[in-house]
Amino acid sequence: MRLRRLGTYSRILFLGCLAIASVVTKTILASPASENFPQQPAAIEFITADELKAKLAKNEPITIIDVRSVSGLANGDNKIKGAIYVKLRRLKYRLGFPPLKDVPRNGQVVTYCACPNDESSIKAAQILHEAGFRNVRVLKGGWVVWKKANGQVEPMGRGI
C-alpha cells in the first residue's frame, strides 16, 4: 500500500515538474532574442590627446566628460577645458539633468579618467552607448597623457 502511494506521489511530482518546465520553455521561446542573449557592448573607440587638442583648436562641437575618482582629483583641482565633471557611479542618473541632458545623442563625446588603463572612462563610454549616444570615444591615457601633452586646462568649479 505504501509503495503504491509513493509511486502515485512520484508521478504527481514528475508531472508537476514537467508542467513547470513547459511553462518556462514557452516563456523563454516567446521572449525576444535580445532579452535572452544581451547584445555585445559597442566597441570602445579611443582618441589621442593630440587628436582631441586638434578638435578643440578647430572649435568642433564636442562634449568632454571627466569621470575621475576623488583620488584622481587629488593631484590638482584642474580639468580639461570645457569638461563636465561627473562621478562615474552617478553618470547614468545625471544624464536626465542639465548639462548632460542637453548633449545631442549623435554629437561627439569624449570621456576621460586618471586610471592606469582607462577603466572608468571605458565604463562611462559603455554607459553612454547604452543611453543612445552614437559617437563616444575614450581619451587614451586620460588625464595623465593630457597633462603631458600640455592640453588646455581650467580650474574645477566649486561644489563638484
C-alpha atoms as a PDB file:
ATOM      1  CA  MET A   1       0.000   0.000   0.000  1.00  0.00           C
ATOM      2  CA  ARG A   2       2.775   2.426   0.904  1.00  0.00           C
ATOM      3  CA  LEU A   3       4.622   1.575  -2.289  1.00  0.00           C
ATOM      4  CA  ARG A   4       1.551   2.352  -4.355  1.00  0.00           C
ATOM      5  CA  ARG A   5       1.151   5.757  -2.624  1.00  0.00           C
ATOM      6  CA  LEU A   6       4.827   6.507  -3.087  1.00  0.00           C
ATOM      7  CA  GLY A   7       4.518   5.685  -6.787  1.00  0.00           C
ATOM      8  CA  THR A   8       1.491   7.978  -7.095  1.00  0.00           C
ATOM      9  CA  TYR A   9       3.263  10.839  -5.342  1.00  0.00           C
ATOM     10  CA  SER A  10       6.316  10.359  -7.542  1.00  0.00           C
ATOM     11  CA  ARG A  11       4.171  10.545 -10.695  1.00  0.00           C
ATOM     12  CA  ILE A  12       2.416  13.694  -9.453  1.00  0.00           C
ATOM     13  CA  LEU A  13       5.749  15.303  -8.630  1.00  0.00           C
ATOM     14  CA  PHE A  14       7.147  14.318 -12.023  1.00  0.00           C
ATOM     15  CA  LEU A  15       4.094  15.721 -13.889  1.00  0.00           C
ATOM     16  CA  GLY A  16       4.319  18.943 -11.865  1.00  0.00           C
ATOM     17  CA  CYS A  17       7.972  19.360 -12.830  1.00  0.00           C
ATOM     18  CA  LEU A  18       7.085  18.755 -16.485  1.00  0.00           C
ATOM     19  CA  ALA A  19       4.372  21.398 -16.331  1.00  0.00           C
ATOM     20  CA  ILE A  20       6.743  23.945 -14.797  1.00  0.00           C
ATOM     21  CA  ALA A  21       9.430  23.142 -17.378  1.00  0.00           C
ATOM     22  CA  SER A  22       6.882  23.546 -20.164  1.00  0.00           C
ATOM     23  CA  VAL A  23       5.796  26.980 -18.929  1.00  0.00           C
ATOM     24  CA  VAL A  24       9.412  28.137 -18.535  1.00  0.00           C
ATOM     25  CA  THR A  25      10.340  26.881 -22.021  1.00  0.00           C
ATOM     26  CA  LYS A  26       7.352  28.626 -23.626  1.00  0.00           C
ATOM     27  CA  THR A  27       8.217  31.872 -21.807  1.00  0.00           C
ATOM     28  CA  ILE A  28      11.820  31.747 -22.986  1.00  0.00           C
ATOM     29  CA  LEU A  29      10.851  30.941 -26.572  1.00  0.00           C
ATOM     30  CA  ALA A  30       8.208  33.677 -26.618  1.00  0.00           C
ATOM     31  CA  SER A  31      10.658  36.324 -25.355  1.00  0.00           C
ATOM     32  CA  PRO A  32      12.506  38.456 -27.893  1.00  0.00           C
ATOM     33  CA  ALA A  33      16.009  37.172 -28.579  1.00  0.00           C
ATOM     34  CA  SER A  34      17.586  40.332 -27.183  1.00  0.00           C
ATOM     35  CA  GLU A  35      16.221  39.522 -23.720  1.00  0.00           C
ATOM     36  CA  ASN A  36      17.725  36.036 -23.741  1.00  0.00           C
ATOM     37  CA  PHE A  37      21.050  36.988 -25.251  1.00  0.00           C
ATOM     38  CA  PRO A  38      22.073  40.544 -24.368  1.00  0.00           C
ATOM     39  CA  GLN A  39      23.792  42.476 -27.109  1.00  0.00           C
ATOM     40  CA  GLN A  40      27.525  42.750 -27.009  1.00  0.00           C
ATOM     41  CA  PRO A  41      28.654  46.159 -25.806  1.00  0.00           C
ATOM     42  CA  ALA A  42      29.644  48.514 -28.579  1.00  0.00           C
ATOM     43  CA  ALA A  43      33.332  48.502 -29.390  1.00  0.00           C
ATOM     44  CA  ILE A  44      35.028  51.287 -27.492  1.00  0.00           C
ATOM     45  CA  GLU A  45      36.927  53.744 -29.659  1.00  0.00           C
ATOM     46  CA  PHE A  46      39.832  55.826 -28.426  1.00  0.00           C
ATOM     47  CA  ILE A  47      41.066  59.306 -29.231  1.00  0.00           C
ATOM     48  CA  THR A  48      44.602  60.547 -28.595  1.00  0.00           C
ATOM     49  CA  ALA A  49      45.424  63.744 -26.749  1.00  0.00           C
ATOM     50  CA  ASP A  50      46.773  65.260 -29.987  1.00  0.00           C
ATOM     51  CA  GLU A  51      43.561  64.428 -31.877  1.00  0.00           C
ATOM     52  CA  LEU A  52      41.447  65.964 -29.101  1.00  0.00           C
ATOM     53  CA  LYS A  53      43.649  69.067 -28.994  1.00  0.00           C
ATOM     54  CA  ALA A  54      43.201  69.476 -32.771  1.00  0.00           C
ATOM     55  CA  LYS A  55      39.408  69.185 -32.483  1.00  0.00           C
ATOM     56  CA  LEU A  56      39.343  71.773 -29.701  1.00  0.00           C
ATOM     57  CA  ALA A  57      41.624  74.093 -31.713  1.00  0.00           C
ATOM     58  CA  LYS A  58      39.153  73.896 -34.620  1.00  0.00           C
ATOM     59  CA  ASN A  59      36.282  74.644 -32.197  1.00  0.00           C
ATOM     60  CA  GLU A  60      34.487  71.437 -33.166  1.00  0.00           C
ATOM     61  CA  PRO A  61      31.381  70.827 -31.057  1.00  0.00           C
ATOM     62  CA  ILE A  62      32.497  68.183 -28.595  1.00  0.00           C
ATOM     63  CA  THR A  63      31.396  67.260 -25.089  1.00  0.00           C
ATOM     64  CA  ILE A  64      34.130  66.155 -22.702  1.00  0.00           C
ATOM     65  CA  ILE A  65      33.139  64.214 -19.610  1.00  0.00           C
ATOM     66  CA  ASP A  66      35.548  63.890 -16.679  1.00  0.00           C
ATOM     67  CA  VAL A  67      34.871  60.765 -14.597  1.00  0.00           C
ATOM     68  CA  ARG A  68      37.969  60.851 -12.401  1.00  0.00           C
ATOM     69  CA  SER A  69      37.569  59.463  -8.918  1.00  0.00           C
ATOM     70  CA  VAL A  70      38.207  61.560  -5.823  1.00  0.00           C
ATOM     71  CA  SER A  71      41.712  60.075  -5.631  1.00  0.00           C
ATOM     72  CA  GLY A  72      42.227  61.014  -9.288  1.00  0.00           C
ATOM     73  CA  LEU A  73      41.336  64.602  -8.428  1.00  0.00           C
ATOM     74  CA  ALA A  74      43.834  64.683  -5.568  1.00  0.00           C
ATOM     75  CA  ASN A  75      46.667  65.655  -7.918  1.00  0.00           C
ATOM     76  CA  GLY A  76      45.140  69.051  -8.559  1.00  0.00           C
ATOM     77  CA  ASP A  77      41.898  70.870  -8.979  1.00  0.00           C
ATOM     78  CA  ASN A  78      42.059  71.325 -12.754  1.00  0.00           C
ATOM     79  CA  LYS A  79      40.176  69.625 -15.560  1.00  0.00           C
ATOM     80  CA  ILE A  80      40.285  69.652 -19.348  1.00  0.00           C
ATOM     81  CA  LYS A  81      38.960  72.975 -20.550  1.00  0.00           C
ATOM     82  CA  GLY A  82      35.192  72.759 -21.006  1.00  0.00           C
ATOM     83  CA  ALA A  83      34.866  69.306 -19.426  1.00  0.00           C
ATOM     84  CA  ILE A  84      31.854  68.327 -17.364  1.00  0.00           C
ATOM     85  CA  TYR A  85      32.793  66.529 -14.146  1.00  0.00           C
ATOM     86  CA  VAL A  86      30.539  63.628 -13.134  1.00  0.00           C
ATOM     87  CA  LYS A  87      31.111  60.847 -10.641  1.00  0.00           C
ATOM     88  CA  LEU A  88      31.034  57.607 -12.606  1.00  0.00           C
ATOM     89  CA  ARG A  89      28.536  55.966 -10.268  1.00  0.00           C
ATOM     90  CA  ARG A  90      26.103  58.859 -10.887  1.00  0.00           C
ATOM     91  CA  LEU A  91      26.584  59.204 -14.645  1.00  0.00           C
ATOM     92  CA  LYS A  92      23.508  57.244 -15.708  1.00  0.00           C
ATOM     93  CA  TYR A  93      21.320  59.230 -13.310  1.00  0.00           C
ATOM     94  CA  ARG A  94      22.842  62.582 -14.283  1.00  0.00           C
ATOM     95  CA  LEU A  95      22.014  62.009 -17.970  1.00  0.00           C
ATOM     96  CA  GLY A  96      18.498  63.124 -17.111  1.00  0.00           C
ATOM     97  CA  PHE A  97      19.622  66.553 -15.880  1.00  0.00           C
ATOM     98  CA  PRO A  98      21.409  69.548 -17.424  1.00  0.00           C
ATOM     99  CA  PRO A  99      24.013  69.915 -18.718  1.00  0.00           C
ATOM    100  CA  LEU A 100      24.196  66.237 -19.777  1.00  0.00           C
ATOM    101  CA  LYS A 101      20.504  66.121 -20.643  1.00  0.00           C
ATOM    102  CA  ASP A 102      21.131  68.658 -23.397  1.00  0.00           C
ATOM    103  CA  VAL A 103      24.033  66.817 -25.053  1.00  0.00           C
ATOM    104  CA  PRO A 104      22.931  65.586 -28.516  1.00  0.00           C
ATOM    105  CA  ARG A 105      22.904  61.793 -28.795  1.00  0.00           C
ATOM    106  CA  ASN A 106      24.666  61.977 -32.168  1.00  0.00           C
ATOM    107  CA  GLY A 107      27.266  64.568 -31.107  1.00  0.00           C
ATOM    108  CA  GLN A 108      30.912  63.894 -30.316  1.00  0.00           C
ATOM    109  CA  VAL A 109      31.568  62.873 -26.717  1.00  0.00           C
ATOM    110  CA  VAL A 110      34.925  62.111 -25.084  1.00  0.00           C
ATOM    111  CA  THR A 111      35.318  60.568 -21.638  1.00  0.00           C
ATOM    112  CA  TYR A 112      38.455  60.580 -19.536  1.00  0.00           C
ATOM    113  CA  CYS A 113      39.714  59.499 -16.138  1.00  0.00           C
ATOM    114  CA  ALA A 114      43.030  59.138 -14.316  1.00  0.00           C
ATOM    115  CA  CYS A 115      43.007  55.322 -14.196  1.00  0.00           C
ATOM    116  CA  PRO A 116      46.103  53.453 -15.366  1.00  0.00           C
ATOM    117  CA  ASN A 117      44.168  51.569 -18.076  1.00  0.00           C
ATOM    118  CA  ASP A 118      41.267  54.000 -18.670  1.00  0.00           C
ATOM    119  CA  GLU A 119      38.858  51.684 -16.815  1.00  0.00           C
ATOM    120  CA  SER A 120      36.476  54.382 -15.558  1.00  0.00           C
ATOM    121  CA  SER A 121      36.319  56.242 -18.853  1.00  0.00           C
ATOM    122  CA  ILE A 122      35.670  52.977 -20.714  1.00  0.00           C
ATOM    123  CA  LYS A 123      32.819  52.192 -18.300  1.00  0.00           C
ATOM    124  CA  ALA A 124      31.465  55.719 -18.804  1.00  0.00           C
ATOM    125  CA  ALA A 125      31.597  55.241 -22.587  1.00  0.00           C
ATOM    126  CA  GLN A 126      29.649  51.985 -22.227  1.00  0.00           C
ATOM    127  CA  ILE A 127      27.000  53.726 -20.115  1.00  0.00           C
ATOM    128  CA  LEU A 128      26.701  56.467 -22.730  1.00  0.00           C
ATOM    129  CA  HIS A 129      26.401  53.913 -25.567  1.00  0.00           C
ATOM    130  CA  GLU A 130      23.631  52.143 -23.656  1.00  0.00           C
ATOM    131  CA  ALA A 131      21.876  55.516 -23.252  1.00  0.00           C
ATOM    132  CA  GLY A 132      21.869  56.024 -27.024  1.00  0.00           C
ATOM    133  CA  PHE A 133      24.967  58.124 -27.615  1.00  0.00           C
ATOM    134  CA  ARG A 134      26.426  57.223 -31.014  1.00  0.00           C
ATOM    135  CA  ASN A 135      29.827  58.917 -31.166  1.00  0.00           C
ATOM    136  CA  VAL A 136      31.624  58.279 -27.866  1.00  0.00           C
ATOM    137  CA  ARG A 137      35.382  57.939 -27.554  1.00  0.00           C
ATOM    138  CA  VAL A 138      37.774  57.472 -24.656  1.00  0.00           C
ATOM    139  CA  LEU A 139      40.811  59.720 -24.228  1.00  0.00           C
ATOM    140  CA  LYS A 140      43.692  57.243 -24.445  1.00  0.00           C
ATOM    141  CA  GLY A 141      45.826  57.671 -21.332  1.00  0.00           C
ATOM    142  CA  GLY A 142      43.314  60.064 -19.800  1.00  0.00           C
ATOM    143  CA  TRP A 143      44.293  62.930 -17.540  1.00  0.00           C
ATOM    144  CA  VAL A 144      47.954  61.915 -17.242  1.00  0.00           C
ATOM    145  CA  VAL A 145      48.517  61.953 -21.009  1.00  0.00           C
ATOM    146  CA  TRP A 146      46.539  65.185 -21.382  1.00  0.00           C
ATOM    147  CA  LYS A 147      48.816  66.956 -18.894  1.00  0.00           C
ATOM    148  CA  LYS A 148      51.940  65.588 -20.610  1.00  0.00           C
ATOM    149  CA  ALA A 149      50.609  66.846 -23.966  1.00  0.00           C
ATOM    150  CA  ASN A 150      50.133  70.336 -22.443  1.00  0.00           C
ATOM    151  CA  GLY A 151      46.441  70.289 -23.238  1.00  0.00           C
ATOM    152  CA  GLN A 152      44.254  73.196 -22.180  1.00  0.00           C
ATOM    153  CA  VAL A 153      43.032  73.015 -18.594  1.00  0.00           C
ATOM    154  CA  GLU A 154      40.840  75.120 -16.354  1.00  0.00           C
ATOM    155  CA  PRO A 155      40.041  75.111 -12.635  1.00  0.00           C
ATOM    156  CA  MET A 156      37.342  72.784 -11.396  1.00  0.00           C
ATOM    157  CA  GLY A 157      34.134  74.508 -10.405  1.00  0.00           C
ATOM    158  CA  ARG A 158      33.273  74.544  -6.731  1.00  0.00           C
ATOM    159  CA  GLY A 159      30.620  72.201  -5.430  1.00  0.00           C
ATOM    160  CA  ILE A 160      31.581  69.213  -7.560  1.00  0.00           C
END
